[in-house]
């Protein structure tokens, strides 16, 4: 994962409350699956394979959706 995505991931990890997390996430267009993945990862603290198991997805699909979310969040944070 490149450095920019690591910074975005750290930013989301550091958000202290669920409402502040959703304030950031609410500014971008995400699918319902992407929103669920973000919540499971950053609110519930699940690992990628755990998210995949819970949602019936492959770990690769979870990784791809997270990368897409990171790209969208990067655009918002750069404004």
PDB file of N, CA and C in Angstrom:
ATOM      1  N   UNK A   1       0.861  -1.174   0.000  1.00  0.00           N
ATOM      2  CA  UNK A   1       0.000   0.000   0.000  1.00  0.00           C
ATOM      3  C   UNK A   1       0.903   1.230   0.000  1.00  0.00           C
ATOM      4  N   UNK A   2       0.604   2.196  -0.862  1.00  0.00           N
ATOM      5  CA  UNK A   2       1.486   3.349  -0.923  1.00  0.00           C
ATOM      6  C   UNK A   2       1.298   4.263   0.288  1.00  0.00           C
ATOM      7  N   UNK A   3       2.230   5.183   0.440  1.00  0.00           N
ATOM      8  CA  UNK A   3       2.282   6.039   1.625  1.00  0.00           C
ATOM      9  C   UNK A   3       1.027   6.892   1.796  1.00  0.00           C
ATOM     10  N   UNK A   4       0.468   7.390   0.693  1.00  0.00           N
ATOM     11  CA  UNK A   4      -0.727   8.220   0.770  1.00  0.00           C
ATOM     12  C   UNK A   4      -1.886   7.437   1.378  1.00  0.00           C
ATOM     13  N   UNK A   5      -2.077   6.203   0.926  1.00  0.00           N
ATOM     14  CA  UNK A   5      -3.166   5.381   1.455  1.00  0.00           C
ATOM     15  C   UNK A   5      -2.929   5.046   2.924  1.00  0.00           C
ATOM     16  N   UNK A   6      -1.678   4.866   3.303  1.00  0.00           N
ATOM     17  CA  UNK A   6      -1.375   4.615   4.711  1.00  0.00           C
ATOM     18  C   UNK A   6      -1.741   5.826   5.558  1.00  0.00           C
ATOM     19  N   UNK A   7      -1.503   7.028   5.041  1.00  0.00           N
ATOM     20  CA  UNK A   7      -1.857   8.246   5.770  1.00  0.00           C
ATOM     21  C   UNK A   7      -3.369   8.372   5.914  1.00  0.00           C
ATOM     22  N   UNK A   8      -4.104   8.045   4.854  1.00  0.00           N
ATOM     23  CA  UNK A   8      -5.560   8.110   4.911  1.00  0.00           C
ATOM     24  C   UNK A   8      -6.078   7.096   5.917  1.00  0.00           C
ATOM     25  N   UNK A   9      -5.517   5.891   5.859  1.00  0.00           N
ATOM     26  CA  UNK A   9      -5.920   4.849   6.808  1.00  0.00           C
ATOM     27  C   UNK A   9      -5.663   5.314   8.242  1.00  0.00           C
ATOM     28  N   UNK A  10      -4.509   5.938   8.482  1.00  0.00           N
ATOM     29  CA  UNK A  10      -4.193   6.437   9.821  1.00  0.00           C
ATOM     30  C   UNK A  10      -5.161   7.541  10.228  1.00  0.00           C
ATOM     31  N   UNK A  11      -5.510   8.410   9.287  1.00  0.00           N
ATOM     32  CA  UNK A  11      -6.482   9.467   9.574  1.00  0.00           C
ATOM     33  C   UNK A  11      -7.803   8.866  10.029  1.00  0.00           C
ATOM     34  N   UNK A  12      -8.287   7.844   9.322  1.00  0.00           N
ATOM     35  CA  UNK A  12      -9.544   7.197   9.704  1.00  0.00           C
ATOM     36  C   UNK A  12      -9.417   6.460  11.031  1.00  0.00           C
ATOM     37  N   UNK A  13      -8.252   5.841  11.272  1.00  0.00           N
ATOM     38  CA  UNK A  13      -8.030   5.158  12.551  1.00  0.00           C
ATOM     39  C   UNK A  13      -8.059   6.139  13.721  1.00  0.00           C
ATOM     40  N   UNK A  14      -7.603   7.378  13.481  1.00  0.00           N
ATOM     41  CA  UNK A  14      -7.486   8.380  14.547  1.00  0.00           C
ATOM     42  C   UNK A  14      -8.774   9.141  14.838  1.00  0.00           C
ATOM     43  N   UNK A  15      -9.806   8.955  14.019  1.00  0.00           N
ATOM     44  CA  UNK A  15     -11.070   9.664  14.244  1.00  0.00           C
ATOM     45  C   UNK A  15     -11.667   9.157  15.563  1.00  0.00           C
ATOM     46  N   UNK A  16     -11.892  10.066  16.518  1.00  0.00           N
ATOM     47  CA  UNK A  16     -12.277   9.621  17.856  1.00  0.00           C
ATOM     48  C   UNK A  16     -13.719   9.126  18.010  1.00  0.00           C
ATOM     49  N   UNK A  17     -14.639   9.632  17.215  1.00  0.00           N
ATOM     50  CA  UNK A  17     -16.032   9.226  17.410  1.00  0.00           C
ATOM     51  C   UNK A  17     -16.633   8.713  16.114  1.00  0.00           C
ATOM     52  N   UNK A  18     -17.676   7.934  16.287  1.00  0.00           N
ATOM     53  CA  UNK A  18     -18.382   7.383  15.131  1.00  0.00           C
ATOM     54  C   UNK A  18     -19.006   8.498  14.293  1.00  0.00           C
ATOM     55  N   UNK A  19     -19.546   9.525  14.943  1.00  0.00           N
ATOM     56  CA  UNK A  19     -20.189  10.605  14.178  1.00  0.00           C
ATOM     57  C   UNK A  19     -19.155  11.389  13.372  1.00  0.00           C
ATOM     58  N   UNK A  20     -17.966  11.618  13.924  1.00  0.00           N
ATOM     59  CA  UNK A  20     -16.912  12.307  13.165  1.00  0.00           C
ATOM     60  C   UNK A  20     -16.441  11.449  11.994  1.00  0.00           C
ATOM     61  N   UNK A  21     -16.372  10.144  12.207  1.00  0.00           N
ATOM     62  CA  UNK A  21     -16.018   9.223  11.135  1.00  0.00           C
ATOM     63  C   UNK A  21     -17.024   9.352  10.002  1.00  0.00           C
ATOM     64  N   UNK A  22     -18.321   9.325  10.335  1.00  0.00           N
ATOM     65  CA  UNK A  22     -19.356   9.402   9.298  1.00  0.00           C
ATOM     66  C   UNK A  22     -19.422  10.783   8.662  1.00  0.00           C
ATOM     67  N   UNK A  23     -18.993  11.828   9.377  1.00  0.00           N
ATOM     68  CA  UNK A  23     -18.913  13.158   8.760  1.00  0.00           C
ATOM     69  C   UNK A  23     -17.915  13.147   7.602  1.00  0.00           C
ATOM     70  N   UNK A  24     -16.777  12.496   7.802  1.00  0.00           N
ATOM     71  CA  UNK A  24     -15.770  12.396   6.744  1.00  0.00           C
ATOM     72  C   UNK A  24     -16.285  11.518   5.616  1.00  0.00           C
ATOM     73  N   UNK A  25     -16.770  10.344   5.972  1.00  0.00           N
ATOM     74  CA  UNK A  25     -17.216   9.372   4.978  1.00  0.00           C
ATOM     75  C   UNK A  25     -18.444   9.876   4.216  1.00  0.00           C
ATOM     76  N   UNK A  26     -19.280  10.655   4.878  1.00  0.00           N
ATOM     77  CA  UNK A  26     -20.496  11.162   4.245  1.00  0.00           C
ATOM     78  C   UNK A  26     -20.249  12.135   3.109  1.00  0.00           C
ATOM     79  N   UNK A  27     -19.031  12.641   3.003  1.00  0.00           N
ATOM     80  CA  UNK A  27     -18.701  13.601   1.951  1.00  0.00           C
ATOM     81  C   UNK A  27     -18.358  12.936   0.620  1.00  0.00           C
ATOM     82  N   UNK A  28     -18.272  11.619   0.614  1.00  0.00           N
ATOM     83  CA  UNK A  28     -17.915  10.918  -0.621  1.00  0.00           C
ATOM     84  C   UNK A  28     -19.023   9.960  -1.027  1.00  0.00           C
ATOM     85  N   UNK A  29     -19.071   9.667  -2.305  1.00  0.00           N
ATOM     86  CA  UNK A  29     -20.066   8.720  -2.806  1.00  0.00           C
ATOM     87  C   UNK A  29     -19.508   7.312  -2.689  1.00  0.00           C
ATOM     88  N   UNK A  30     -20.168   6.508  -1.883  1.00  0.00           N
ATOM     89  CA  UNK A  30     -19.770   5.124  -1.683  1.00  0.00           C
ATOM     90  C   UNK A  30     -20.961   4.214  -1.904  1.00  0.00           C
ATOM     91  N   UNK A  31     -20.657   2.985  -2.282  1.00  0.00           N
ATOM     92  CA  UNK A  31     -21.718   1.990  -2.361  1.00  0.00           C
ATOM     93  C   UNK A  31     -22.049   1.549  -0.941  1.00  0.00           C
ATOM     94  N   UNK A  32     -23.180   0.918  -0.773  1.00  0.00           N
ATOM     95  CA  UNK A  32     -23.540   0.432   0.566  1.00  0.00           C
ATOM     96  C   UNK A  32     -22.524  -0.600   1.043  1.00  0.00           C
ATOM     97  N   UNK A  33     -21.994  -1.404   0.122  1.00  0.00           N
ATOM     98  CA  UNK A  33     -20.985  -2.395   0.506  1.00  0.00           C
ATOM     99  C   UNK A  33     -19.717  -1.703   0.996  1.00  0.00           C
ATOM    100  N   UNK A  34     -19.285  -0.658   0.303  1.00  0.00           N
ATOM    101  CA  UNK A  34     -18.097   0.077   0.735  1.00  0.00           C
ATOM    102  C   UNK A  34     -18.308   0.716   2.103  1.00  0.00           C
ATOM    103  N   UNK A  35     -19.486   1.257   2.327  1.00  0.00           N
ATOM    104  CA  UNK A  35     -19.782   1.862   3.630  1.00  0.00           C
ATOM    105  C   UNK A  35     -19.725   0.807   4.728  1.00  0.00           C
ATOM    106  N   UNK A  36     -20.269  -0.366   4.456  1.00  0.00           N
ATOM    107  CA  UNK A  36     -20.238  -1.433   5.458  1.00  0.00           C
ATOM    108  C   UNK A  36     -18.807  -1.887   5.727  1.00  0.00           C
ATOM    109  N   UNK A  37     -18.010  -2.001   4.666  1.00  0.00           N
ATOM    110  CA  UNK A  37     -16.612  -2.389   4.840  1.00  0.00           C
ATOM    111  C   UNK A  37     -15.870  -1.370   5.690  1.00  0.00           C
ATOM    112  N   UNK A  38     -16.056  -0.082   5.402  1.00  0.00           N
ATOM    113  CA  UNK A  38     -15.403   0.961   6.206  1.00  0.00           C
ATOM    114  C   UNK A  38     -15.824   0.887   7.665  1.00  0.00           C
ATOM    115  N   UNK A  39     -17.111   0.692   7.892  1.00  0.00           N
ATOM    116  CA  UNK A  39     -17.581   0.616   9.274  1.00  0.00           C
ATOM    117  C   UNK A  39     -16.991  -0.600   9.991  1.00  0.00           C
ATOM    118  N   UNK A  40     -16.996  -1.735   9.332  1.00  0.00           N
ATOM    119  CA  UNK A  40     -16.447  -2.941   9.953  1.00  0.00           C
ATOM    120  C   UNK A  40     -14.953  -2.791  10.233  1.00  0.00           C
ATOM    121  N   UNK A  41     -14.246  -2.117   9.347  1.00  0.00           N
ATOM    122  CA  UNK A  41     -12.805  -1.946   9.515  1.00  0.00           C
ATOM    123  C   UNK A  41     -12.464  -0.900  10.565  1.00  0.00           C
ATOM    124  N   UNK A  42     -13.071   0.274  10.466  1.00  0.00           N
ATOM    125  CA  UNK A  42     -12.628   1.383  11.307  1.00  0.00           C
ATOM    126  C   UNK A  42     -13.466   1.605  12.559  1.00  0.00           C
ATOM    127  N   UNK A  43     -14.700   1.162  12.577  1.00  0.00           N
ATOM    128  CA  UNK A  43     -15.529   1.292  13.775  1.00  0.00           C
ATOM    129  C   UNK A  43     -15.458   0.011  14.609  1.00  0.00           C
ATOM    130  N   UNK A  44     -15.626  -1.132  13.937  1.00  0.00           N
ATOM    131  CA  UNK A  44     -15.613  -2.407  14.654  1.00  0.00           C
ATOM    132  C   UNK A  44     -14.214  -3.008  14.790  1.00  0.00           C
ATOM    133  N   UNK A  45     -13.260  -2.509  13.999  1.00  0.00           N
ATOM    134  CA  UNK A  45     -11.872  -2.949  14.125  1.00  0.00           C
ATOM    135  C   UNK A  45     -11.576  -4.334  13.567  1.00  0.00           C
ATOM    136  N   UNK A  46     -12.401  -4.794  12.628  1.00  0.00           N
ATOM    137  CA  UNK A  46     -12.173  -6.115  12.053  1.00  0.00           C
ATOM    138  C   UNK A  46     -11.014  -6.088  11.052  1.00  0.00           C
ATOM    139  N   UNK A  47     -10.349  -7.218  10.928  1.00  0.00           N
ATOM    140  CA  UNK A  47      -9.307  -7.381   9.924  1.00  0.00           C
ATOM    141  C   UNK A  47      -9.947  -7.688   8.579  1.00  0.00           C
ATOM    142  N   UNK A  48      -9.183  -7.548   7.507  1.00  0.00           N
ATOM    143  CA  UNK A  48      -9.742  -7.714   6.165  1.00  0.00           C
ATOM    144  C   UNK A  48     -10.357  -9.091   5.961  1.00  0.00           C
ATOM    145  N   UNK A  49      -9.680 -10.136   6.402  1.00  0.00           N
ATOM    146  CA  UNK A  49     -10.245 -11.469   6.202  1.00  0.00           C
ATOM    147  C   UNK A  49     -11.508 -11.668   7.036  1.00  0.00           C
ATOM    148  N   UNK A  50     -11.580 -11.014   8.207  1.00  0.00           N
ATOM    149  CA  UNK A  50     -12.782 -11.105   9.035  1.00  0.00           C
ATOM    150  C   UNK A  50     -13.958 -10.404   8.362  1.00  0.00           C
ATOM    151  N   UNK A  51     -13.680  -9.265   7.739  1.00  0.00           N
ATOM    152  CA  UNK A  51     -14.720  -8.545   6.991  1.00  0.00           C
ATOM    153  C   UNK A  51     -15.215  -9.407   5.845  1.00  0.00           C
ATOM    154  N   UNK A  52     -14.276 -10.002   5.114  1.00  0.00           N
ATOM    155  CA  UNK A  52     -14.645 -10.877   4.012  1.00  0.00           C
ATOM    156  C   UNK A  52     -15.514 -12.034   4.471  1.00  0.00           C
ATOM    157  N   UNK A  53     -15.130 -12.677   5.570  1.00  0.00           N
ATOM    158  CA  UNK A  53     -15.922 -13.787   6.117  1.00  0.00           C
ATOM    159  C   UNK A  53     -17.319 -13.328   6.504  1.00  0.00           C
ATOM    160  N   UNK A  54     -17.389 -12.198   7.178  1.00  0.00           N
ATOM    161  CA  UNK A  54     -18.677 -11.692   7.661  1.00  0.00           C
ATOM    162  C   UNK A  54     -19.613 -11.316   6.505  1.00  0.00           C
ATOM    163  N   UNK A  55     -19.034 -10.768   5.430  1.00  0.00           N
ATOM    164  CA  UNK A  55     -19.847 -10.284   4.318  1.00  0.00           C
ATOM    165  C   UNK A  55     -19.948 -11.279   3.163  1.00  0.00           C
ATOM    166  N   UNK A  56     -19.241 -12.386   3.257  1.00  0.00           N
ATOM    167  CA  UNK A  56     -19.264 -13.360   2.166  1.00  0.00           C
ATOM    168  C   UNK A  56     -18.479 -12.900   0.949  1.00  0.00           C
ATOM    169  N   UNK A  57     -17.402 -12.151   1.187  1.00  0.00           N
ATOM    170  CA  UNK A  57     -16.563 -11.617   0.114  1.00  0.00           C
ATOM    171  C   UNK A  57     -15.155 -12.180   0.247  1.00  0.00           C
ATOM    172  N   UNK A  58     -14.418 -12.154  -0.856  1.00  0.00           N
ATOM    173  CA  UNK A  58     -13.012 -12.538  -0.775  1.00  0.00           C
ATOM    174  C   UNK A  58     -12.225 -11.392  -0.141  1.00  0.00           C
ATOM    175  N   UNK A  59     -11.090 -11.726   0.431  1.00  0.00           N
ATOM    176  CA  UNK A  59     -10.223 -10.696   0.997  1.00  0.00           C
ATOM    177  C   UNK A  59      -9.773  -9.720  -0.089  1.00  0.00           C
ATOM    178  N   UNK A  60      -9.535 -10.216  -1.293  1.00  0.00           N
ATOM    179  CA  UNK A  60      -9.133  -9.347  -2.411  1.00  0.00           C
ATOM    180  C   UNK A  60     -10.211  -8.314  -2.730  1.00  0.00           C
ATOM    181  N   UNK A  61     -11.477  -8.727  -2.679  1.00  0.00           N
ATOM    182  CA  UNK A  61     -12.576  -7.793  -2.939  1.00  0.00           C
ATOM    183  C   UNK A  61     -12.625  -6.720  -1.859  1.00  0.00           C
ATOM    184  N   UNK A  62     -12.439  -7.120  -0.617  1.00  0.00           N
ATOM    185  CA  UNK A  62     -12.416  -6.156   0.493  1.00  0.00           C
ATOM    186  C   UNK A  62     -11.263  -5.177   0.284  1.00  0.00           C
ATOM    187  N   UNK A  63     -10.088  -5.693  -0.051  1.00  0.00           N
ATOM    188  CA  UNK A  63      -8.927  -4.828  -0.292  1.00  0.00           C
ATOM    189  C   UNK A  63      -9.198  -3.845  -1.430  1.00  0.00           C
ATOM    190  N   UNK A  64      -9.780  -4.327  -2.521  1.00  0.00           N
ATOM    191  CA  UNK A  64     -10.071  -3.468  -3.673  1.00  0.00           C
ATOM    192  C   UNK A  64     -11.060  -2.366  -3.290  1.00  0.00           C
ATOM    193  N   UNK A  65     -12.107  -2.727  -2.566  1.00  0.00           N
ATOM    194  CA  UNK A  65     -13.088  -1.722  -2.150  1.00  0.00           C
ATOM    195  C   UNK A  65     -12.458  -0.696  -1.211  1.00  0.00           C
ATOM    196  N   UNK A  66     -11.596  -1.136  -0.309  1.00  0.00           N
ATOM    197  CA  UNK A  66     -10.931  -0.188   0.592  1.00  0.00           C
ATOM    198  C   UNK A  66     -10.014   0.758  -0.180  1.00  0.00           C
ATOM    199  N   UNK A  67      -9.270   0.240  -1.149  1.00  0.00           N
ATOM    200  CA  UNK A  67      -8.418   1.111  -1.963  1.00  0.00           C
ATOM    201  C   UNK A  67      -9.247   2.160  -2.694  1.00  0.00           C
ATOM    202  N   UNK A  68     -10.395   1.760  -3.213  1.00  0.00           N
ATOM    203  CA  UNK A  68     -11.281   2.704  -3.888  1.00  0.00           C
ATOM    204  C   UNK A  68     -11.769   3.770  -2.903  1.00  0.00           C
ATOM    205  N   UNK A  69     -12.127   3.346  -1.708  1.00  0.00           N
ATOM    206  CA  UNK A  69     -12.552   4.306  -0.671  1.00  0.00           C
ATOM    207  C   UNK A  69     -11.425   5.268  -0.334  1.00  0.00           C
ATOM    208  N   UNK A  70     -10.215   4.747  -0.191  1.00  0.00           N
ATOM    209  CA  UNK A  70      -9.065   5.595   0.131  1.00  0.00           C
ATOM    210  C   UNK A  70      -8.839   6.644  -0.958  1.00  0.00           C
ATOM    211  N   UNK A  71      -8.974   6.243  -2.231  1.00  0.00           N
ATOM    212  CA  UNK A  71      -8.812   7.206  -3.330  1.00  0.00           C
ATOM    213  C   UNK A  71      -9.851   8.324  -3.224  1.00  0.00           C
ATOM    214  N   UNK A  72     -11.080   7.956  -2.941  1.00  0.00           N
ATOM    215  CA  UNK A  72     -12.153   8.953  -2.832  1.00  0.00           C
ATOM    216  C   UNK A  72     -11.938   9.856  -1.622  1.00  0.00           C
ATOM    217  N   UNK A  73     -11.515   9.288  -0.518  1.00  0.00           N
ATOM    218  CA  UNK A  73     -11.260  10.078   0.690  1.00  0.00           C
ATOM    219  C   UNK A  73     -10.084  11.015   0.458  1.00  0.00           C
ATOM    220  N   UNK A  74      -9.071  10.546  -0.245  1.00  0.00           N
ATOM    221  CA  UNK A  74      -7.905  11.387  -0.560  1.00  0.00           C
ATOM    222  C   UNK A  74      -8.340  12.641  -1.301  1.00  0.00           C
ATOM    223  N   UNK A  75      -9.226  12.502  -2.272  1.00  0.00           N
ATOM    224  CA  UNK A  75      -9.707  13.652  -3.035  1.00  0.00           C
ATOM    225  C   UNK A  75     -10.397  14.665  -2.123  1.00  0.00           C
ATOM    226  N   UNK A  76     -11.194  14.175  -1.177  1.00  0.00           N
ATOM    227  CA  UNK A  76     -11.898  15.065  -0.247  1.00  0.00           C
ATOM    228  C   UNK A  76     -10.912  15.774   0.674  1.00  0.00           C
ATOM    229  N   UNK A  77      -9.930  15.044   1.208  1.00  0.00           N
ATOM    230  CA  UNK A  77      -8.985  15.618   2.144  1.00  0.00           C
ATOM    231  C   UNK A  77      -8.033  16.609   1.483  1.00  0.00           C
ATOM    232  N   UNK A  78      -7.830  16.474   0.165  1.00  0.00           N
ATOM    233  CA  UNK A  78      -6.946  17.387  -0.556  1.00  0.00           C
ATOM    234  C   UNK A  78      -7.593  18.718  -0.861  1.00  0.00           C
ATOM    235  N   UNK A  79      -8.912  18.805  -0.749  1.00  0.00           N
ATOM    236  CA  UNK A  79      -9.619  20.059  -1.063  1.00  0.00           C
ATOM    237  C   UNK A  79      -9.429  21.079   0.019  1.00  0.00           C
TER     238      UNK A  79
END
